[in-house]
Amino acid sequence: MLARKDSLTNLNRVNTIGTPAGTMPSHIKRDSMAAIADLLAATSVGGAPKKKRKPSILDNPNAERLLKVACILSLVTVCMNTPKTLKIFPILNYPILVIDTIVTLIFTGEALIRINHMGLIQDHSSYLRDKWCEFDFVILLFHWFSLLLHIYLNMSPLFPHLELVYYDYFGIIRCIRPLIIIRFIRLLLKFKLPKNRIQQLLKRSSTQVQNVTVFFVFFMALYAIMGIQLFGRMDYHCVVKNTNPKNVTINDLAIPDTMCSQKGGGGYECPDNMECMKLDLSAKAEGFYGMFDHFGASVFTVYLAASEEGWVYVLYDCIDSMPSYVAFLYFITLLFFLAWLVKNVFIAVITETFAEIRVQFSEMWTKKEVTIDDELKQKIEKTEEGWRLIRLDAELQHMSGRIKTLQRDWF
């Protein structure tokens, strides 16, 4: 406001040379006011100032403290509400039920107040059109599901004639509730950020992350398919002669268990007292530490190798089952592209993205005093393209004669 007032005063002085002090032609006054109105309309969102939000009971500091306590209690009860915990400490059953009921009612009351204050879905500022309110509403729904499930669990022994059936996997309904910690962090951190700037920053960062993710997934899928084509199912083991492949015991296997290939296959060949036989083992008996049986297992094996943890056992099996140069070529290129190149590029992009976000936040938090200094160095002037804000410290070739005269006289 000071910048606009100062600019308007400077314009009065420049355009009233030769006129009595304190007077100004009427057409200049009308043009100046019209220009200020145009600038206000252009810089405001949607051409109109935002409506100030009416205060509500939730703005009370005590209400905020109550919500923080409710978030902490909700997190504690969901951590305690496990089958093993309730089996060891059955006395906790009803306290957890009471606390969950109170917490759910608090969140329900808060949601009703916000709906009454903001509206349900009428306009863009309504409850169900705000992203954080949608998140809070989902958390509230799962609080109700969890509470009803707990009541259902307690009703089973009280009303045996109803023959209510409860399984432990029903507790998966509570898996969303730990996200209440996000809401607790939101209540602790109180700062406003420009929405448009955040959207531009996230859009630019998400494009970089998306590109490197596609690059990473491409190499994962490529090496998974190559592993299936090169190695496939490695079911050949060294066993004692005359072993039944459908009924293999640990005494029939070599010590340690060794993969093998047929004579002339290029892999490991069993000693004379044993033979290389294809075994029909169950998934439980065979176990899993990396294999290329199908695409899902192959993707996991490639990820295991890219992490550089435990991949050598897969390499040994591939060397025993196939010619060694095939395994060497496959795993050397896999480690080069995935474990070194793509992974480091992915980490670099993520690091750069967070560094840019930190810089942008730092600029936004310190922008206030810098903006004031910039605005005090601007003035309003009518050009061929219309009214514009002209910087007083700009280069002289970009200024009109009146501005040059003003700078020589004042600065």
Protein backbone atom coordinates (compact mmCIF):
# COMPACT_ATOMS: atom_id res chain seq x y z
CA MET A 1 0.00 0.00 0.00
CA LEU A 2 2.92 2.32 0.77
CA ALA A 3 4.46 1.52 -2.63
CA ARG A 4 1.25 2.38 -4.48
CA LYS A 5 0.79 5.58 -2.47
CA ASP A 6 4.39 6.63 -3.07
CA SER A 7 4.12 5.85 -6.78
CA LEU A 8 0.92 7.88 -7.08
CA THR A 9 2.59 10.82 -5.29
CA ASN A 10 5.61 10.66 -7.62
CA LEU A 11 3.30 10.63 -10.63
CA ASN A 12 1.55 13.73 -9.34
CA ARG A 13 4.86 15.55 -9.02
CA VAL A 14 6.05 14.58 -12.52
CA ASN A 15 2.83 15.42 -14.33
CA THR A 16 2.13 18.69 -12.53
CA ILE A 17 5.33 20.56 -13.46
CA GLY A 18 4.27 24.12 -14.04
CA THR A 19 0.98 23.77 -12.19
CA PRO A 20 0.18 25.05 -8.70
CA ALA A 21 1.22 22.78 -5.83
CA GLY A 22 -1.51 20.50 -4.54
CA THR A 23 -3.48 20.63 -7.80
CA MET A 24 -3.84 18.00 -10.48
CA PRO A 25 -5.77 17.88 -13.76
CA SER A 26 -8.99 15.88 -13.54
CA HIS A 27 -8.16 13.56 -16.45
CA ILE A 28 -4.86 12.57 -14.75
CA LYS A 29 -6.74 11.73 -11.54
CA ARG A 30 -9.21 9.55 -13.39
CA ASP A 31 -6.46 7.75 -15.32
CA SER A 32 -4.45 7.12 -12.14
CA MET A 33 -7.38 5.66 -10.22
CA ALA A 34 -8.33 3.48 -13.20
CA ALA A 35 -4.76 2.16 -13.42
CA ILE A 36 -4.68 1.29 -9.72
CA ALA A 37 -8.01 -0.53 -10.06
CA ASP A 38 -6.63 -2.51 -13.03
CA LEU A 39 -3.52 -3.50 -11.09
CA LEU A 40 -5.55 -4.65 -8.11
CA ALA A 41 -7.82 -6.71 -10.35
CA ALA A 42 -4.86 -8.28 -12.16
CA THR A 43 -2.93 -9.23 -9.02
CA SER A 44 -5.88 -10.64 -7.05
CA VAL A 45 -7.06 -14.23 -7.46
CA GLY A 46 -10.04 -14.36 -9.75
CA GLY A 47 -10.12 -10.56 -9.93
CA ALA A 48 -11.70 -10.23 -6.47
CA PRO A 49 -10.28 -10.36 -2.97
CA LYS A 50 -10.73 -13.55 -1.01
CA LYS A 51 -13.38 -13.57 1.62
CA LYS A 52 -12.10 -13.60 5.13
CA ARG A 53 -12.92 -16.80 6.92
CA LYS A 54 -15.27 -16.41 9.84
CA PRO A 55 -13.89 -17.47 13.21
CA SER A 56 -15.20 -20.67 14.76
CA ILE A 57 -14.88 -22.54 18.02
CA LEU A 58 -12.07 -24.63 16.50
CA ASP A 59 -9.86 -21.52 16.43
CA ASN A 60 -9.78 -21.61 20.23
CA PRO A 61 -6.35 -22.76 21.54
CA ASN A 62 -8.10 -25.14 23.95
CA ALA A 63 -9.86 -26.86 21.04
CA GLU A 64 -6.51 -27.29 19.32
CA ARG A 65 -5.00 -28.81 22.47
CA LEU A 66 -7.97 -31.19 22.73
CA LEU A 67 -7.41 -32.37 19.15
CA LYS A 68 -3.70 -32.93 19.85
CA VAL A 69 -4.51 -35.04 22.91
CA ALA A 70 -7.10 -36.99 20.89
CA CYS A 71 -4.52 -37.73 18.19
CA ILE A 72 -2.01 -39.01 20.74
CA LEU A 73 -4.62 -41.18 22.50
CA SER A 74 -5.77 -42.60 19.16
CA LEU A 75 -2.20 -43.52 18.24
CA VAL A 76 -1.59 -45.15 21.64
CA THR A 77 -4.79 -47.23 21.59
CA VAL A 78 -4.25 -48.50 18.04
CA CYS A 79 -0.74 -49.60 19.06
CA MET A 80 -2.13 -51.45 22.09
CA ASN A 81 -5.07 -53.03 20.28
CA THR A 82 -3.37 -56.20 19.04
CA PRO A 83 -4.50 -59.82 19.61
CA LYS A 84 -1.30 -60.69 21.48
CA THR A 85 -1.47 -57.64 23.75
CA LEU A 86 -5.11 -58.23 24.67
CA LYS A 87 -4.38 -61.90 25.28
CA ILE A 88 -1.58 -61.09 27.74
CA PHE A 89 -3.36 -58.08 29.31
CA PRO A 90 -7.12 -58.67 28.94
CA ILE A 91 -7.77 -55.87 31.43
CA LEU A 92 -6.89 -53.35 28.68
CA ASN A 93 -9.87 -54.37 26.56
CA TYR A 94 -12.46 -52.02 28.03
CA PRO A 95 -10.14 -49.02 28.64
CA ILE A 96 -9.18 -49.16 24.96
CA LEU A 97 -12.86 -49.29 24.01
CA VAL A 98 -13.71 -46.28 26.20
CA ILE A 99 -10.78 -44.19 24.93
CA ASP A 100 -11.56 -45.05 21.30
CA THR A 101 -15.17 -44.02 21.85
CA ILE A 102 -14.19 -40.64 23.32
CA VAL A 103 -11.62 -39.97 20.59
CA THR A 104 -14.05 -40.90 17.82
CA LEU A 105 -16.74 -38.64 19.27
CA ILE A 106 -14.25 -35.74 19.48
CA PHE A 107 -13.26 -36.14 15.84
CA THR A 108 -16.91 -36.52 14.83
CA GLY A 109 -17.85 -33.31 16.64
CA GLU A 110 -14.97 -31.49 14.99
CA ALA A 111 -16.08 -32.73 11.54
CA LEU A 112 -19.66 -31.60 12.17
CA ILE A 113 -18.49 -28.14 13.25
CA ARG A 114 -16.35 -27.79 10.13
CA ILE A 115 -19.20 -28.97 7.89
CA ASN A 116 -21.53 -26.44 9.51
CA HIS A 117 -18.91 -23.72 9.13
CA MET A 118 -17.58 -24.54 5.63
CA GLY A 119 -20.49 -26.35 4.04
CA LEU A 120 -20.48 -29.97 2.90
CA ILE A 121 -19.89 -29.81 -0.86
CA GLN A 122 -21.48 -26.57 -2.08
CA ASP A 123 -18.39 -24.69 -3.35
CA HIS A 124 -14.63 -25.03 -3.70
CA SER A 125 -14.00 -24.15 -0.05
CA SER A 126 -16.43 -26.77 1.29
CA TYR A 127 -15.47 -29.59 3.64
CA LEU A 128 -15.38 -32.43 1.11
CA ARG A 129 -13.50 -30.31 -1.44
CA ASP A 130 -10.58 -29.50 0.81
CA LYS A 131 -7.78 -32.08 0.53
CA TRP A 132 -6.85 -32.09 4.21
CA CYS A 133 -10.50 -32.24 5.25
CA GLU A 134 -10.95 -35.25 2.96
CA PHE A 135 -7.96 -36.89 4.68
CA ASP A 136 -9.45 -36.16 8.11
CA PHE A 137 -12.80 -37.57 6.98
CA VAL A 138 -11.21 -40.85 5.83
CA ILE A 139 -9.38 -41.17 9.15
CA LEU A 140 -12.68 -40.54 10.95
CA LEU A 141 -14.41 -43.28 8.95
CA PHE A 142 -11.74 -45.81 9.91
CA HIS A 143 -12.05 -44.73 13.54
CA TRP A 144 -15.73 -45.63 13.37
CA PHE A 145 -14.98 -48.95 11.63
CA SER A 146 -12.40 -49.77 14.29
CA LEU A 147 -14.79 -48.85 17.10
CA LEU A 148 -17.62 -50.96 15.66
CA LEU A 149 -15.23 -53.88 15.18
CA HIS A 150 -14.12 -53.63 18.81
CA ILE A 151 -17.75 -53.60 19.96
CA TYR A 152 -18.45 -56.61 17.74
CA LEU A 153 -15.48 -58.44 19.31
CA ASN A 154 -16.76 -57.78 22.84
CA MET A 155 -20.28 -58.87 21.94
CA SER A 156 -19.17 -62.36 20.87
CA PRO A 157 -18.53 -63.76 24.38
CA LEU A 158 -21.43 -61.78 25.93
CA PHE A 159 -24.02 -63.13 23.48
CA PRO A 160 -22.91 -66.65 22.53
CA HIS A 161 -26.37 -67.52 21.17
CA LEU A 162 -25.79 -65.04 18.32
CA GLU A 163 -22.90 -67.23 17.11
CA LEU A 164 -20.83 -64.22 16.06
CA VAL A 165 -17.63 -65.21 14.26
CA TYR A 166 -14.48 -63.12 14.63
CA TYR A 167 -11.15 -63.64 12.86
CA ASP A 168 -7.90 -61.89 13.66
CA TYR A 169 -7.50 -60.65 10.10
CA PHE A 170 -10.55 -58.42 10.66
CA GLY A 171 -8.10 -56.13 12.44
CA ILE A 172 -6.80 -54.96 9.06
CA ILE A 173 -9.50 -52.29 9.31
CA ARG A 174 -7.26 -50.52 11.85
CA CYS A 175 -4.29 -50.29 9.46
CA ILE A 176 -5.21 -46.73 8.36
CA ARG A 177 -5.48 -45.33 11.88
CA PRO A 178 -1.71 -44.86 12.47
CA LEU A 179 -1.84 -42.15 9.79
CA ILE A 180 -3.33 -39.97 12.54
CA ILE A 181 0.29 -39.00 13.25
CA ILE A 182 0.15 -36.88 10.06
CA ARG A 183 -2.70 -34.89 11.52
CA PHE A 184 -0.82 -34.46 14.79
CA ILE A 185 2.16 -33.04 12.87
CA ARG A 186 -0.17 -30.67 11.03
CA LEU A 187 -1.46 -29.38 14.35
CA LEU A 188 2.09 -28.81 15.57
CA LEU A 189 3.31 -27.02 12.45
CA LYS A 190 1.45 -23.79 11.87
CA PHE A 191 2.49 -21.87 8.77
CA LYS A 192 0.84 -20.79 5.54
CA LEU A 193 2.35 -21.41 2.12
CA PRO A 194 1.34 -19.91 -1.25
CA LYS A 195 -0.77 -22.56 -2.93
CA ASN A 196 0.09 -21.66 -6.53
CA ARG A 197 3.82 -21.67 -5.89
CA ILE A 198 3.65 -25.01 -4.10
CA GLN A 199 1.67 -26.51 -6.99
CA GLN A 200 4.22 -25.29 -9.53
CA LEU A 201 7.08 -26.64 -7.44
CA LEU A 202 5.47 -30.06 -6.98
CA LYS A 203 4.54 -30.25 -10.66
CA ARG A 204 8.10 -29.55 -11.76
CA SER A 205 9.56 -31.95 -9.18
CA SER A 206 7.05 -34.71 -9.92
CA THR A 207 8.00 -34.59 -13.60
CA GLN A 208 11.65 -35.28 -12.77
CA VAL A 209 10.77 -38.05 -10.32
CA GLN A 210 8.35 -39.60 -12.82
CA ASN A 211 10.97 -39.69 -15.57
CA VAL A 212 13.63 -41.35 -13.46
CA THR A 213 11.05 -43.79 -12.04
CA VAL A 214 10.08 -44.87 -15.56
CA PHE A 215 13.78 -45.29 -16.31
CA PHE A 216 14.22 -47.46 -13.20
CA VAL A 217 11.13 -49.60 -13.85
CA PHE A 218 12.23 -50.15 -17.45
CA PHE A 219 15.55 -51.69 -16.39
CA MET A 220 13.83 -53.73 -13.67
CA ALA A 221 11.38 -55.24 -16.16
CA LEU A 222 14.11 -55.72 -18.78
CA TYR A 223 16.41 -57.70 -16.49
CA ALA A 224 13.49 -59.64 -15.01
CA ILE A 225 12.50 -60.85 -18.49
CA MET A 226 16.14 -61.55 -19.39
CA GLY A 227 16.52 -63.63 -16.21
CA ILE A 228 13.48 -65.74 -17.11
CA GLN A 229 14.76 -66.29 -20.65
CA LEU A 230 18.37 -67.07 -19.65
CA PHE A 231 17.91 -69.12 -16.49
CA GLY A 232 14.22 -69.99 -15.96
CA ARG A 233 13.46 -72.66 -13.39
CA MET A 234 16.64 -74.05 -11.86
CA ASP A 235 15.33 -77.38 -10.56
CA TYR A 236 18.35 -79.64 -11.15
CA HIS A 237 20.12 -80.80 -7.96
CA CYS A 238 22.86 -83.28 -7.18
CA VAL A 239 21.23 -86.27 -5.44
CA VAL A 240 22.10 -89.84 -4.57
CA LYS A 241 21.49 -92.27 -7.42
CA ASN A 242 18.09 -93.96 -7.65
CA THR A 243 16.40 -91.12 -5.70
CA ASN A 244 12.65 -90.69 -6.15
CA PRO A 245 12.24 -87.08 -7.44
CA LYS A 246 8.75 -86.85 -5.92
CA ASN A 247 9.89 -87.97 -2.46
CA VAL A 248 13.23 -86.38 -1.68
CA THR A 249 14.67 -86.27 1.83
CA ILE A 250 17.59 -84.29 3.14
CA ASN A 251 19.69 -87.47 3.15
CA ASP A 252 19.31 -87.72 -0.64
CA LEU A 253 20.83 -84.29 -1.32
CA ALA A 254 24.44 -83.29 -1.58
CA ILE A 255 25.99 -81.47 1.36
CA PRO A 256 25.67 -78.57 0.85
CA ASP A 257 22.74 -78.67 -1.56
CA THR A 258 24.16 -77.93 -5.01
CA MET A 259 22.59 -76.95 -8.30
CA CYS A 260 23.90 -78.72 -11.38
CA SER A 261 23.57 -79.13 -15.13
CA GLN A 262 23.50 -82.16 -17.39
CA LYS A 263 26.69 -83.55 -18.88
CA GLY A 264 28.07 -81.01 -21.33
CA GLY A 265 25.63 -78.32 -20.21
CA GLY A 266 28.41 -75.96 -19.18
CA GLY A 267 27.49 -75.80 -15.48
CA TYR A 268 28.51 -77.80 -12.44
CA GLU A 269 28.68 -81.57 -12.95
CA CYS A 270 27.91 -83.90 -10.03
CA PRO A 271 30.52 -86.39 -8.74
CA ASP A 272 30.43 -89.98 -9.94
CA ASN A 273 28.52 -91.33 -6.92
CA MET A 274 25.67 -88.83 -7.51
CA GLU A 275 23.52 -87.78 -10.42
CA CYS A 276 21.97 -84.51 -11.61
CA MET A 277 18.22 -84.87 -11.35
CA LYS A 278 15.28 -82.53 -11.81
CA LEU A 279 13.39 -82.49 -8.51
CA ASP A 280 9.72 -81.73 -7.96
CA LEU A 281 9.98 -79.74 -4.72
CA SER A 282 7.20 -77.75 -3.11
CA ALA A 283 7.62 -74.02 -2.65
CA LYS A 284 7.93 -74.49 1.12
CA ALA A 285 10.63 -77.15 0.79
CA GLU A 286 12.55 -75.19 -1.82
CA GLY A 287 12.35 -71.86 -0.01
CA PHE A 288 13.13 -68.55 -1.68
CA TYR A 289 16.30 -66.52 -1.75
CA GLY A 290 16.14 -65.42 -5.39
CA MET A 291 15.03 -67.29 -8.52
CA PHE A 292 13.63 -66.75 -11.99
CA ASP A 293 10.63 -69.09 -11.98
CA HIS A 294 8.12 -66.43 -13.10
CA PHE A 295 7.96 -62.69 -13.66
CA GLY A 296 7.04 -61.77 -10.06
CA ALA A 297 9.87 -63.81 -8.54
CA SER A 298 12.23 -62.53 -11.21
CA VAL A 299 11.43 -58.86 -10.43
CA PHE A 300 12.07 -59.51 -6.75
CA THR A 301 15.37 -61.23 -7.57
CA VAL A 302 16.47 -58.29 -9.73
CA TYR A 303 15.59 -55.89 -6.92
CA LEU A 304 17.54 -58.12 -4.51
CA ALA A 305 20.59 -57.94 -6.76
CA ALA A 306 20.19 -54.16 -7.22
CA SER A 307 20.25 -53.72 -3.44
CA GLU A 308 23.62 -55.56 -3.37
CA GLU A 309 22.50 -57.70 -0.43
CA GLY A 310 22.39 -61.50 -0.72
CA TRP A 311 22.58 -61.58 -4.51
CA VAL A 312 25.74 -63.73 -4.56
CA TYR A 313 23.76 -66.87 -3.65
CA VAL A 314 21.64 -66.39 -6.75
CA LEU A 315 24.84 -65.90 -8.76
CA TYR A 316 26.28 -69.19 -7.45
CA ASP A 317 23.13 -71.10 -8.43
CA CYS A 318 23.19 -69.56 -11.91
CA ILE A 319 26.88 -70.46 -12.33
CA ASP A 320 26.13 -74.07 -11.30
CA SER A 321 23.09 -74.38 -13.57
CA MET A 322 24.34 -72.54 -16.68
CA PRO A 323 27.68 -71.71 -18.33
CA SER A 324 29.49 -69.30 -16.04
CA TYR A 325 30.02 -66.56 -18.65
CA VAL A 326 26.22 -66.15 -19.01
CA ALA A 327 25.81 -65.51 -15.28
CA PHE A 328 28.83 -63.19 -15.16
CA LEU A 329 27.62 -61.09 -18.11
CA TYR A 330 24.07 -60.89 -16.72
CA PHE A 331 24.97 -59.86 -13.17
CA ILE A 332 27.81 -57.48 -14.11
CA THR A 333 25.56 -55.47 -16.43
CA LEU A 334 22.68 -55.65 -13.93
CA LEU A 335 24.81 -54.24 -11.13
CA PHE A 336 26.24 -51.55 -13.42
CA PHE A 337 22.90 -50.25 -14.65
CA LEU A 338 20.66 -50.80 -11.62
CA ALA A 339 22.89 -50.82 -8.54
CA TRP A 340 25.20 -48.05 -9.72
CA LEU A 341 23.81 -45.93 -12.55
CA VAL A 342 20.01 -45.86 -12.23
CA LYS A 343 19.92 -45.98 -8.44
CA ASN A 344 22.39 -43.09 -8.10
CA VAL A 345 20.48 -41.05 -10.68
CA PHE A 346 17.26 -41.70 -8.75
CA ILE A 347 18.88 -40.65 -5.47
CA ALA A 348 20.34 -37.54 -7.13
CA VAL A 349 16.94 -36.48 -8.48
CA ILE A 350 15.27 -37.00 -5.10
CA THR A 351 18.03 -35.05 -3.34
CA GLU A 352 17.83 -32.22 -5.87
CA THR A 353 14.06 -32.12 -5.55
CA PHE A 354 14.14 -31.78 -1.77
CA ALA A 355 16.94 -29.21 -2.00
CA GLU A 356 14.83 -27.14 -4.39
CA ILE A 357 11.82 -27.44 -2.10
CA ARG A 358 13.95 -26.28 0.83
CA VAL A 359 15.25 -23.29 -1.15
CA GLN A 360 11.74 -22.34 -2.27
CA PHE A 361 10.42 -22.56 1.29
CA SER A 362 13.34 -20.48 2.54
CA GLU A 363 12.62 -17.81 -0.08
CA MET A 364 8.92 -17.76 0.77
CA TRP A 365 9.58 -17.42 4.49
CA THR A 366 12.05 -14.54 3.97
CA LYS A 367 10.25 -12.86 1.10
CA LYS A 368 8.35 -10.28 3.11
CA GLU A 369 11.11 -7.75 3.74
CA VAL A 370 12.66 -8.27 0.29
CA THR A 371 9.32 -7.60 -1.40
CA ILE A 372 8.88 -4.35 0.50
CA ASP A 373 12.27 -3.10 -0.71
CA ASP A 374 11.39 -3.99 -4.31
CA GLU A 375 7.98 -2.37 -4.20
CA LEU A 376 9.41 0.91 -2.90
CA LYS A 377 11.52 1.11 -6.07
CA GLN A 378 8.57 0.93 -8.47
CA LYS A 379 6.22 3.55 -9.86
CA ILE A 380 3.15 3.50 -12.06
CA GLU A 381 3.36 4.92 -15.58
CA LYS A 382 1.13 4.96 -18.64
CA THR A 383 2.88 3.41 -21.68
CA GLU A 384 1.81 2.54 -25.22
CA GLU A 385 0.72 -0.90 -23.95
CA GLY A 386 -1.27 0.53 -21.04
CA TRP A 387 -0.49 1.20 -17.37
CA ARG A 388 2.62 -0.61 -16.07
CA LEU A 389 4.72 -0.70 -12.87
CA ILE A 390 8.20 0.61 -13.83
CA ARG A 391 11.28 -0.05 -11.66
CA LEU A 392 13.04 3.18 -10.74
CA ASP A 393 16.46 1.48 -10.78
CA ALA A 394 15.98 -0.06 -14.24
CA GLU A 395 18.26 0.75 -17.17
CA LEU A 396 17.75 4.19 -18.68
CA GLN A 397 17.02 2.95 -22.18
CA HIS A 398 13.90 1.22 -20.90
CA MET A 399 12.48 4.36 -19.27
CA SER A 400 10.60 7.36 -20.53
CA GLY A 401 11.97 10.90 -20.41
CA ARG A 402 9.88 11.80 -17.38
CA ILE A 403 11.32 8.89 -15.37
CA LYS A 404 14.89 9.86 -16.34
CA THR A 405 14.23 13.42 -15.15
CA LEU A 406 12.75 12.08 -11.91
CA GLN A 407 15.80 9.89 -11.21
CA ARG A 408 18.27 12.71 -11.94
CA ASP A 409 16.40 15.11 -9.67
CA TRP A 410 15.72 12.69 -6.79
CA PHE A 411 18.57 10.19 -6.86
